[in-house]
């Protein structure tokens, strides 16, 4: 008789554990799904401001039609120059003048990229109401605090 109660307790405990584990997995799944959805379509800082009007969203898309290709072109150039730098660094013998020249070209590209982003932020800021500008300012501070160009930078900030 004691064996029957033990078996019933075991089955009840096992079923409870399965339900708890299932609930934990389901909760984690829905949390991650919501987080992925939240960050999936972010292409710029203004995507983080939820109360943009349809007209503002349309104008942002128009601005991005020229900004994003320009930034991508600069990124590609940076990548090419960094590959050249790596090759020069490991060539024998190392030509320090050539390495420094390529480093200067990389700095020029980085500066160009930074200026493009700054101009873009100013252009986007002009579309916003004062309240939206305060939110935008907080977003910019948060993004810049990470040391890069935020969501406009390489896709390391996406949380997939």
C-alpha atoms as a PDB file:
ATOM      1  CA  UNK A   1       0.000   0.000   0.000  1.00  0.00           C
ATOM      2  CA  UNK A   2       2.852   2.392   0.812  1.00  0.00           C
ATOM      3  CA  UNK A   3       4.343   1.576  -2.571  1.00  0.00           C
ATOM      4  CA  UNK A   4       1.137   2.751  -4.277  1.00  0.00           C
ATOM      5  CA  UNK A   5       1.242   6.120  -2.500  1.00  0.00           C
ATOM      6  CA  UNK A   6       4.932   6.478  -3.289  1.00  0.00           C
ATOM      7  CA  UNK A   7       4.251   5.794  -6.966  1.00  0.00           C
ATOM      8  CA  UNK A   8       1.336   8.245  -7.008  1.00  0.00           C
ATOM      9  CA  UNK A   9       3.515  10.928  -5.346  1.00  0.00           C
ATOM     10  CA  UNK A  10       6.272  10.248  -7.864  1.00  0.00           C
ATOM     11  CA  UNK A  11       3.914  10.577 -10.830  1.00  0.00           C
ATOM     12  CA  UNK A  12       2.372  13.748  -9.409  1.00  0.00           C
ATOM     13  CA  UNK A  13       5.831  15.256  -8.769  1.00  0.00           C
ATOM     14  CA  UNK A  14       7.059  14.278 -12.220  1.00  0.00           C
ATOM     15  CA  UNK A  15       3.966  15.763 -13.904  1.00  0.00           C
ATOM     16  CA  UNK A  16       4.358  18.958 -11.897  1.00  0.00           C
ATOM     17  CA  UNK A  17       8.018  19.230 -12.930  1.00  0.00           C
ATOM     18  CA  UNK A  18       7.097  18.709 -16.602  1.00  0.00           C
ATOM     19  CA  UNK A  19       4.430  21.437 -16.399  1.00  0.00           C
ATOM     20  CA  UNK A  20       6.859  23.869 -14.731  1.00  0.00           C
ATOM     21  CA  UNK A  21       9.579  23.182 -17.304  1.00  0.00           C
ATOM     22  CA  UNK A  22       7.069  23.603 -20.134  1.00  0.00           C
ATOM     23  CA  UNK A  23       5.887  26.906 -18.638  1.00  0.00           C
ATOM     24  CA  UNK A  24       9.486  28.143 -18.341  1.00  0.00           C
ATOM     25  CA  UNK A  25      10.257  27.231 -21.952  1.00  0.00           C
ATOM     26  CA  UNK A  26       7.014  28.813 -23.173  1.00  0.00           C
ATOM     27  CA  UNK A  27       7.758  31.999 -21.229  1.00  0.00           C
ATOM     28  CA  UNK A  28      11.299  32.164 -22.574  1.00  0.00           C
ATOM     29  CA  UNK A  29      10.047  31.538 -26.121  1.00  0.00           C
ATOM     30  CA  UNK A  30       7.480  34.346 -25.999  1.00  0.00           C
ATOM     31  CA  UNK A  31       9.926  36.745 -24.346  1.00  0.00           C
ATOM     32  CA  UNK A  32      12.582  36.100 -27.000  1.00  0.00           C
ATOM     33  CA  UNK A  33      10.010  36.250 -29.794  1.00  0.00           C
ATOM     34  CA  UNK A  34       8.785  39.652 -28.579  1.00  0.00           C
ATOM     35  CA  UNK A  35      12.361  40.927 -28.165  1.00  0.00           C
ATOM     36  CA  UNK A  36      13.314  39.787 -31.652  1.00  0.00           C
ATOM     37  CA  UNK A  37      10.233  41.398 -33.150  1.00  0.00           C
ATOM     38  CA  UNK A  38      10.997  44.613 -31.309  1.00  0.00           C
ATOM     39  CA  UNK A  39      14.512  44.886 -32.769  1.00  0.00           C
ATOM     40  CA  UNK A  40      14.040  43.182 -36.142  1.00  0.00           C
ATOM     41  CA  UNK A  41      12.880  46.154 -38.177  1.00  0.00           C
ATOM     42  CA  UNK A  42      15.121  48.806 -36.676  1.00  0.00           C
ATOM     43  CA  UNK A  43      17.039  50.604 -39.398  1.00  0.00           C
ATOM     44  CA  UNK A  44      17.698  53.865 -37.585  1.00  0.00           C
ATOM     45  CA  UNK A  45      17.335  55.813 -34.395  1.00  0.00           C
ATOM     46  CA  UNK A  46      13.865  57.105 -35.206  1.00  0.00           C
ATOM     47  CA  UNK A  47      12.547  53.546 -35.326  1.00  0.00           C
ATOM     48  CA  UNK A  48      12.978  53.643 -31.552  1.00  0.00           C
ATOM     49  CA  UNK A  49      10.437  56.495 -31.259  1.00  0.00           C
ATOM     50  CA  UNK A  50       6.970  54.902 -31.299  1.00  0.00           C
ATOM     51  CA  UNK A  51       4.831  58.029 -31.735  1.00  0.00           C
ATOM     52  CA  UNK A  52       5.992  59.177 -35.183  1.00  0.00           C
ATOM     53  CA  UNK A  53       3.191  60.268 -37.485  1.00  0.00           C
ATOM     54  CA  UNK A  54       2.729  58.614 -40.861  1.00  0.00           C
ATOM     55  CA  UNK A  55       4.084  61.744 -42.552  1.00  0.00           C
ATOM     56  CA  UNK A  56       7.193  61.644 -40.339  1.00  0.00           C
ATOM     57  CA  UNK A  57       7.701  57.940 -41.121  1.00  0.00           C
ATOM     58  CA  UNK A  58       7.391  58.635 -44.849  1.00  0.00           C
ATOM     59  CA  UNK A  59       9.922  61.464 -44.662  1.00  0.00           C
ATOM     60  CA  UNK A  60      12.324  59.300 -42.641  1.00  0.00           C
ATOM     61  CA  UNK A  61      12.132  56.651 -45.363  1.00  0.00           C
ATOM     62  CA  UNK A  62      12.912  59.289 -47.988  1.00  0.00           C
ATOM     63  CA  UNK A  63      15.940  60.465 -46.004  1.00  0.00           C
ATOM     64  CA  UNK A  64      17.187  56.898 -45.668  1.00  0.00           C
ATOM     65  CA  UNK A  65      17.031  56.315 -49.417  1.00  0.00           C
ATOM     66  CA  UNK A  66      20.144  58.433 -49.800  1.00  0.00           C
ATOM     67  CA  UNK A  67      21.725  58.000 -46.359  1.00  0.00           C
ATOM     68  CA  UNK A  68      21.869  54.206 -46.125  1.00  0.00           C
ATOM     69  CA  UNK A  69      23.529  53.643 -49.539  1.00  0.00           C
ATOM     70  CA  UNK A  70      26.106  56.360 -48.763  1.00  0.00           C
ATOM     71  CA  UNK A  71      26.914  54.759 -45.415  1.00  0.00           C
ATOM     72  CA  UNK A  72      27.121  51.292 -46.966  1.00  0.00           C
ATOM     73  CA  UNK A  73      29.555  52.584 -49.597  1.00  0.00           C
ATOM     74  CA  UNK A  74      31.776  54.054 -46.878  1.00  0.00           C
ATOM     75  CA  UNK A  75      31.605  50.816 -44.863  1.00  0.00           C
ATOM     76  CA  UNK A  76      32.647  48.791 -47.892  1.00  0.00           C
ATOM     77  CA  UNK A  77      35.553  51.152 -48.489  1.00  0.00           C
ATOM     78  CA  UNK A  78      36.563  50.830 -44.821  1.00  0.00           C
ATOM     79  CA  UNK A  79      36.456  47.054 -45.087  1.00  0.00           C
ATOM     80  CA  UNK A  80      38.618  47.086 -48.213  1.00  0.00           C
ATOM     81  CA  UNK A  81      41.141  49.425 -46.617  1.00  0.00           C
ATOM     82  CA  UNK A  82      41.288  47.321 -43.442  1.00  0.00           C
ATOM     83  CA  UNK A  83      42.021  44.214 -45.496  1.00  0.00           C
ATOM     84  CA  UNK A  84      44.800  46.139 -47.255  1.00  0.00           C
ATOM     85  CA  UNK A  85      46.129  47.218 -43.879  1.00  0.00           C
ATOM     86  CA  UNK A  86      46.157  43.638 -42.607  1.00  0.00           C
ATOM     87  CA  UNK A  87      48.037  42.488 -45.710  1.00  0.00           C
ATOM     88  CA  UNK A  88      50.595  45.260 -45.316  1.00  0.00           C
ATOM     89  CA  UNK A  89      51.039  44.538 -41.621  1.00  0.00           C
ATOM     90  CA  UNK A  90      51.959  40.933 -42.379  1.00  0.00           C
ATOM     91  CA  UNK A  91      53.995  41.477 -45.515  1.00  0.00           C
ATOM     92  CA  UNK A  92      57.745  40.902 -45.393  1.00  0.00           C
ATOM     93  CA  UNK A  93      59.353  43.274 -44.993  1.00  0.00           C
ATOM     94  CA  UNK A  94      56.767  45.600 -43.453  1.00  0.00           C
ATOM     95  CA  UNK A  95      56.603  48.950 -45.222  1.00  0.00           C
ATOM     96  CA  UNK A  96      55.814  51.259 -42.304  1.00  0.00           C
ATOM     97  CA  UNK A  97      55.183  54.239 -44.562  1.00  0.00           C
ATOM     98  CA  UNK A  98      52.595  52.253 -46.549  1.00  0.00           C
ATOM     99  CA  UNK A  99      50.975  50.982 -43.295  1.00  0.00           C
ATOM    100  CA  UNK A 100      50.719  54.545 -41.980  1.00  0.00           C
ATOM    101  CA  UNK A 101      49.332  55.754 -45.296  1.00  0.00           C
ATOM    102  CA  UNK A 102      46.593  53.109 -45.260  1.00  0.00           C
ATOM    103  CA  UNK A 103      45.853  53.941 -41.602  1.00  0.00           C
ATOM    104  CA  UNK A 104      45.370  57.578 -42.611  1.00  0.00           C
ATOM    105  CA  UNK A 105      42.971  56.503 -45.377  1.00  0.00           C
ATOM    106  CA  UNK A 106      41.014  54.468 -42.812  1.00  0.00           C
ATOM    107  CA  UNK A 107      40.832  57.463 -40.468  1.00  0.00           C
ATOM    108  CA  UNK A 108      39.554  59.592 -43.358  1.00  0.00           C
ATOM    109  CA  UNK A 109      36.800  57.033 -44.078  1.00  0.00           C
ATOM    110  CA  UNK A 110      35.871  56.815 -40.395  1.00  0.00           C
ATOM    111  CA  UNK A 111      35.649  60.590 -40.218  1.00  0.00           C
ATOM    112  CA  UNK A 112      33.503  60.655 -43.351  1.00  0.00           C
ATOM    113  CA  UNK A 113      31.206  58.024 -41.853  1.00  0.00           C
ATOM    114  CA  UNK A 114      30.891  59.964 -38.594  1.00  0.00           C
ATOM    115  CA  UNK A 115      30.052  63.170 -40.470  1.00  0.00           C
ATOM    116  CA  UNK A 116      27.408  61.364 -42.551  1.00  0.00           C
ATOM    117  CA  UNK A 117      25.778  60.089 -39.365  1.00  0.00           C
ATOM    118  CA  UNK A 118      25.908  63.535 -37.745  1.00  0.00           C
ATOM    119  CA  UNK A 119      24.277  65.159 -40.775  1.00  0.00           C
ATOM    120  CA  UNK A 120      21.685  62.403 -40.816  1.00  0.00           C
ATOM    121  CA  UNK A 121      20.852  62.895 -37.132  1.00  0.00           C
ATOM    122  CA  UNK A 122      20.431  66.643 -37.659  1.00  0.00           C
ATOM    123  CA  UNK A 123      18.184  66.003 -40.659  1.00  0.00           C
ATOM    124  CA  UNK A 124      16.059  63.534 -38.676  1.00  0.00           C
ATOM    125  CA  UNK A 125      15.905  65.829 -35.635  1.00  0.00           C
ATOM    126  CA  UNK A 126      14.347  68.569 -37.764  1.00  0.00           C
ATOM    127  CA  UNK A 127      11.359  66.286 -38.480  1.00  0.00           C
ATOM    128  CA  UNK A 128      10.463  65.885 -34.798  1.00  0.00           C
ATOM    129  CA  UNK A 129       8.256  67.690 -32.332  1.00  0.00           C
ATOM    130  CA  UNK A 130       9.920  69.017 -29.140  1.00  0.00           C
ATOM    131  CA  UNK A 131       8.734  65.990 -27.138  1.00  0.00           C
ATOM    132  CA  UNK A 132      10.017  63.593 -29.773  1.00  0.00           C
ATOM    133  CA  UNK A 133      13.315  65.492 -29.854  1.00  0.00           C
ATOM    134  CA  UNK A 134      13.747  64.850 -26.113  1.00  0.00           C
ATOM    135  CA  UNK A 135      13.214  61.120 -26.705  1.00  0.00           C
ATOM    136  CA  UNK A 136      15.594  61.289 -29.664  1.00  0.00           C
ATOM    137  CA  UNK A 137      18.227  62.987 -27.498  1.00  0.00           C
ATOM    138  CA  UNK A 138      17.958  60.192 -24.899  1.00  0.00           C
ATOM    139  CA  UNK A 139      18.283  57.568 -27.636  1.00  0.00           C
ATOM    140  CA  UNK A 140      21.341  59.282 -29.111  1.00  0.00           C
ATOM    141  CA  UNK A 141      22.998  59.507 -25.683  1.00  0.00           C
ATOM    142  CA  UNK A 142      22.342  55.810 -25.072  1.00  0.00           C
ATOM    143  CA  UNK A 143      23.567  54.768 -28.503  1.00  0.00           C
ATOM    144  CA  UNK A 144      26.698  56.913 -28.411  1.00  0.00           C
ATOM    145  CA  UNK A 145      27.524  55.715 -24.891  1.00  0.00           C
ATOM    146  CA  UNK A 146      28.251  52.306 -26.441  1.00  0.00           C
ATOM    147  CA  UNK A 147      31.142  53.828 -28.368  1.00  0.00           C
ATOM    148  CA  UNK A 148      29.847  53.348 -31.885  1.00  0.00           C
ATOM    149  CA  UNK A 149      27.303  54.662 -34.308  1.00  0.00           C
ATOM    150  CA  UNK A 150      24.507  52.713 -32.660  1.00  0.00           C
ATOM    151  CA  UNK A 151      21.897  51.170 -34.906  1.00  0.00           C
ATOM    152  CA  UNK A 152      23.564  52.760 -37.919  1.00  0.00           C
ATOM    153  CA  UNK A 153      26.757  50.925 -37.094  1.00  0.00           C
ATOM    154  CA  UNK A 154      27.568  47.348 -38.033  1.00  0.00           C
ATOM    155  CA  UNK A 155      24.765  45.052 -37.000  1.00  0.00           C
ATOM    156  CA  UNK A 156      26.314  44.007 -33.658  1.00  0.00           C
ATOM    157  CA  UNK A 157      23.582  45.750 -31.652  1.00  0.00           C
ATOM    158  CA  UNK A 158      20.768  43.672 -33.085  1.00  0.00           C
ATOM    159  CA  UNK A 159      19.537  41.078 -30.662  1.00  0.00           C
ATOM    160  CA  UNK A 160      18.631  38.023 -32.734  1.00  0.00           C
END
